Protein backbone atom coordinates (compact mmCIF):
# COMPACT_ATOMS: atom_id res chain seq x y z
CA ASP A 1 109.45 86.44 100.72
CA GLN A 2 107.45 88.79 103.46
CA LEU A 3 110.89 90.23 103.54
CA ALA A 4 111.57 90.22 99.48
CA ALA A 5 107.37 91.55 99.40
CA GLY A 6 108.99 94.32 101.61
CA ALA A 7 111.28 95.50 99.94
CA ASN A 8 109.53 95.83 96.45
CA ASP A 9 106.42 97.55 97.79
CA ALA A 10 108.52 99.97 99.44
CA MET A 11 110.33 100.37 96.47
CA ARG A 12 108.34 101.48 94.39
CA ARG A 13 106.52 103.59 96.81
CA VAL A 14 109.93 105.25 96.95
CA GLY A 15 110.01 105.86 92.91
CA CYS A 16 113.50 103.76 92.81
CA LYS A 17 113.70 102.58 89.54
CA THR A 18 117.71 101.74 88.76
CA THR A 19 119.86 99.35 90.11
CA THR A 20 122.10 101.73 91.85
CA GLU A 21 119.04 102.93 93.99
CA CYS A 22 117.49 100.22 94.52
CA ALA A 23 121.32 99.09 95.64
CA LEU A 24 120.60 102.15 97.67
CA PHE A 25 118.01 101.83 99.94
CA LEU A 26 118.54 98.25 100.71
CA ALA A 27 122.00 98.33 102.11
CA THR A 28 120.89 101.89 103.79
CA LEU A 29 117.82 100.05 105.10
CA ALA A 30 119.79 96.92 105.93
CA GLN A 31 122.80 98.93 107.80
CA GLU A 32 119.75 100.81 110.42
CA SER A 33 118.49 97.04 110.44
CA ALA A 34 121.40 94.86 111.74
CA TYR A 35 120.83 92.88 108.33
CA PHE A 36 116.74 93.67 109.17
CA ARG A 37 117.26 90.73 111.84
CA THR A 38 115.79 94.33 114.57
CA ALA A 39 113.20 96.55 114.02
CA THR A 40 114.15 98.19 117.08
CA GLU A 41 116.96 99.90 118.07
CA TYR A 42 119.68 97.61 119.97
CA GLY A 43 120.78 98.75 123.82
CA SER A 44 118.50 100.76 126.76
CA GLY A 45 119.48 104.16 128.07
CA GLN A 46 118.87 106.61 125.08
CA SER A 47 117.57 109.65 125.10
CA TYR A 48 115.76 109.61 123.41
CA ALA A 49 113.80 107.45 125.03
CA PRO A 50 111.04 105.66 124.87
CA TYR A 51 111.34 107.43 121.68
CA ILE A 52 114.15 104.67 120.57
CA GLY A 53 115.00 104.10 116.69
CA ARG A 54 112.02 101.79 115.16
CA GLY A 55 111.43 100.11 111.75
CA PHE A 56 113.95 98.96 109.70
CA GLU A 57 115.32 102.83 108.88
CA GLN A 58 115.20 103.44 112.29
CA VAL A 59 112.93 106.41 113.56
CA THR A 60 114.20 108.47 116.48
CA TRP A 61 113.02 110.79 118.23
CA ARG A 62 108.98 111.90 119.16
CA SER A 63 109.27 114.52 116.84
CA ASN A 64 110.39 112.40 113.96
CA TYR A 65 107.43 109.87 115.53
CA ALA A 66 104.97 112.79 114.72
CA ALA A 67 105.94 113.58 111.29
CA PHE A 68 105.59 109.53 110.80
CA GLY A 69 102.62 109.38 111.94
CA ALA A 70 101.74 112.44 110.27
CA TRP A 71 102.88 111.40 106.81
CA ALA A 72 101.40 107.75 107.73
CA LYS A 73 97.51 108.99 108.85
CA SER A 74 98.20 111.88 104.86
CA LYS A 75 98.60 108.52 103.02
CA GLY A 76 96.01 106.88 104.47
CA ILE A 77 97.75 103.68 106.17
CA ILE A 78 96.45 105.30 110.11
CA SER A 79 93.58 107.24 111.88
CA ASP A 80 95.24 108.47 114.45
CA ALA A 81 98.28 110.81 113.33
CA SER A 82 99.17 110.70 117.25
CA LEU A 83 98.77 106.80 117.16
CA PHE A 84 103.17 106.01 117.32
CA VAL A 85 103.53 108.88 119.95
CA ASN A 86 100.81 108.23 122.14
CA GLN A 87 102.47 104.46 121.60
CA PRO A 88 106.36 104.17 120.52
CA THR A 89 106.74 100.51 120.26
CA ARG A 90 104.15 99.96 117.81
CA LEU A 91 106.34 101.91 115.20
CA ALA A 92 108.05 97.91 115.48
CA ASP A 93 105.24 96.39 113.79
CA SER A 94 105.80 94.73 111.34
CA ALA A 95 103.42 97.20 108.72
CA TYR A 96 105.44 99.78 109.03
CA TRP A 97 109.53 97.68 109.14
CA TRP A 98 109.64 99.14 105.19
CA LEU A 99 107.40 102.16 105.29
CA THR A 100 109.87 103.93 107.47
CA GLY A 101 111.93 103.83 104.90
CA VAL A 102 109.58 104.92 102.35
CA TRP A 103 108.48 108.30 104.46
CA TYR A 104 111.90 108.91 105.21
CA TRP A 105 113.42 108.73 101.86
CA THR A 106 110.87 110.89 100.10
CA ALA A 107 110.05 113.52 102.96
CA THR A 108 111.04 116.70 101.74
CA ARG A 109 114.59 118.77 101.92
CA SER A 110 116.65 121.95 101.94
CA TRP A 111 119.41 120.26 101.10
CA GLY A 112 120.84 123.10 98.42
CA SER A 113 120.23 121.22 95.04
CA TYR A 114 118.58 117.79 97.39
CA SER A 115 114.91 118.04 97.66
CA SER A 116 115.11 114.42 99.53
CA VAL A 117 116.87 111.20 99.82
CA ILE A 118 116.05 109.63 97.51
CA ASP A 119 116.59 112.38 94.83
CA VAL A 120 120.31 112.97 96.32
CA ALA A 121 120.55 108.49 95.08
CA ARG A 122 119.26 109.78 92.02
CA LYS A 123 121.58 112.61 90.96
CA THR A 124 124.49 111.23 93.13
CA GLY A 125 124.61 107.72 93.07
CA SER A 126 127.31 107.25 96.14
CA ILE A 127 126.38 104.97 99.02
CA TRP A 128 128.79 108.00 100.53
CA ALA A 129 126.29 111.68 99.89
CA VAL A 130 122.59 109.13 100.72
CA SER A 131 125.22 107.70 104.26
CA ARG A 132 125.45 111.87 105.40
CA ALA A 133 121.88 112.97 104.08
CA VAL A 134 120.61 109.92 106.84
CA ASN A 135 123.46 109.17 108.85
CA VAL A 136 124.40 113.00 109.59
CA GLY A 137 121.67 115.35 108.47
CA ASN A 138 123.68 116.87 105.41
CA PRO A 139 124.75 115.21 101.93
CA ASN A 140 126.75 117.62 101.21
CA THR A 141 129.13 117.60 104.82
CA GLN A 142 132.30 116.01 104.52
CA VAL A 143 131.90 114.10 108.35
CA THR A 144 131.98 110.20 107.56
CA PRO A 145 129.25 108.89 108.82
CA ASN A 146 129.21 105.49 111.18
CA HIS A 147 129.94 102.78 109.97
CA MET A 148 129.93 103.35 106.26
CA SER A 149 132.31 100.17 105.33
CA GLU A 150 129.60 98.00 106.23
CA ARG A 151 126.89 100.25 104.72
CA THR A 152 129.91 100.17 100.89
CA THR A 153 130.04 96.41 101.02
CA MET A 154 126.48 95.93 101.18
CA PHE A 155 126.51 98.70 99.01
CA GLU A 156 128.28 96.83 96.05
CA ALA A 157 126.74 93.29 97.22
CA PHE A 158 122.99 94.39 96.13
CA LYS A 159 124.31 96.54 92.89
CA ALA A 160 125.87 93.30 91.94
CA LEU A 161 122.90 91.47 91.25
CA GLY A 162 121.58 93.98 88.21
CA SER A 163 118.60 94.58 87.10
CA SER A 164 116.65 91.45 89.68
CA ILE A 165 116.38 93.74 92.59
CA VAL A 166 114.52 96.82 90.55
CA PRO A 167 110.98 96.43 90.88
CA GLY A 168 108.66 96.17 88.27
CA ALA A 169 105.91 97.99 87.89
CA ALA A 170 102.39 96.30 88.72
CA SER A 171 100.79 94.65 85.66
CA THR A 172 98.28 95.53 84.05
CA PRO A 173 96.36 91.63 84.33
CA THR A 174 96.08 89.90 81.46
CA PRO A 175 93.03 87.35 79.71
CA ALA A 176 95.07 84.73 80.86
CA GLN A 177 95.29 86.17 84.65
CA GLN A 178 91.53 87.00 84.74
CA ASN A 179 90.54 84.07 86.37
CA VAL A 180 91.48 84.42 89.82
CA PRO A 181 88.81 83.86 92.57
CA ARG A 182 87.08 87.17 92.61
CA GLU A 183 87.67 88.34 95.95
CA ALA A 184 92.14 87.83 95.62
CA ILE A 185 93.21 91.47 96.66
CA PRO A 186 96.11 92.68 93.82
CA ALA A 187 97.77 94.22 96.49
CA SER A 188 101.61 92.66 98.61
CA PRO A 189 101.27 91.71 101.91
CA ALA A 190 102.42 94.85 102.58
CA THR A 191 99.97 97.76 101.53
CA VAL A 192 98.13 94.29 102.80
CA THR A 193 98.34 94.20 106.61
CA ALA A 194 98.78 97.82 106.50
CA ALA A 195 95.19 98.66 105.28
CA MET A 196 93.96 96.24 107.71
CA THR A 197 95.84 97.82 110.67
CA ALA A 198 93.95 100.84 110.02
CA LEU A 199 91.29 99.72 109.79
CA TYR A 200 91.15 97.60 113.12
CA ASN A 201 92.74 100.89 114.79
CA ARG A 202 89.49 103.53 113.54
CA ASP A 203 86.40 100.40 114.73
CA LYS A 204 88.42 99.03 117.56
CA GLY A 205 87.06 99.32 120.90
CA VAL A 206 83.16 98.15 119.27
CA TYR A 207 81.69 95.88 119.45
CA TRP A 208 80.44 94.40 115.60
CA GLY A 209 79.36 91.11 116.25
CA ASN A 210 79.61 89.20 112.92
CA GLY A 211 79.18 92.34 110.19
CA TRP A 212 82.30 94.40 110.81
CA ARG A 213 82.80 97.21 108.38
CA GLY A 214 86.09 96.38 107.77
CA TRP A 215 85.93 93.38 105.67
CA ARG A 216 84.00 95.15 102.86
CA GLU A 217 86.12 98.02 102.50
CA LEU A 218 89.63 96.02 103.31
């Protein structure tokens, strides 16, 4: 249930609107995360450590940790853009599992007729083009990305599920839904967790007693 809620929230943020676009997104993140088993790259001794792959769309290298941090701050998710550069392991926190994919798929690129990974997915519908964009860094190359067999198999499997994997637009409450408790939070678990984490990071280290302002803001 947690994975499904996070996936729906992420695909809405990315702008996935068709079965193919959603299947490409899910297949790519599934391959990067060993079928959603891990948010931390396996192995050790990487030349880019401690900035190893973290998140479901595994972010690597210090520059990308910094870029993700800047993006997360711009979205109000965190208050300190240097959070992940200073504390690399935090990128593997559950609040950021899916958001690494959101950032990577929507970041502006200079790939000729393609402006982002989601743009590649939308215009081509091709697991090869998307995998080249993500794994090789250029959707226009003819290089074969790593693990193409697994990527293709997962893409076809997700695509076979049809429109059931396409997240619906956030619904407007109907009169029958107005009887929910006033304290109910109209957001996904991933969104609430990310907001809570940002508030905590902003105010940690200060004793608030029972009057922490973050509760009211959340």
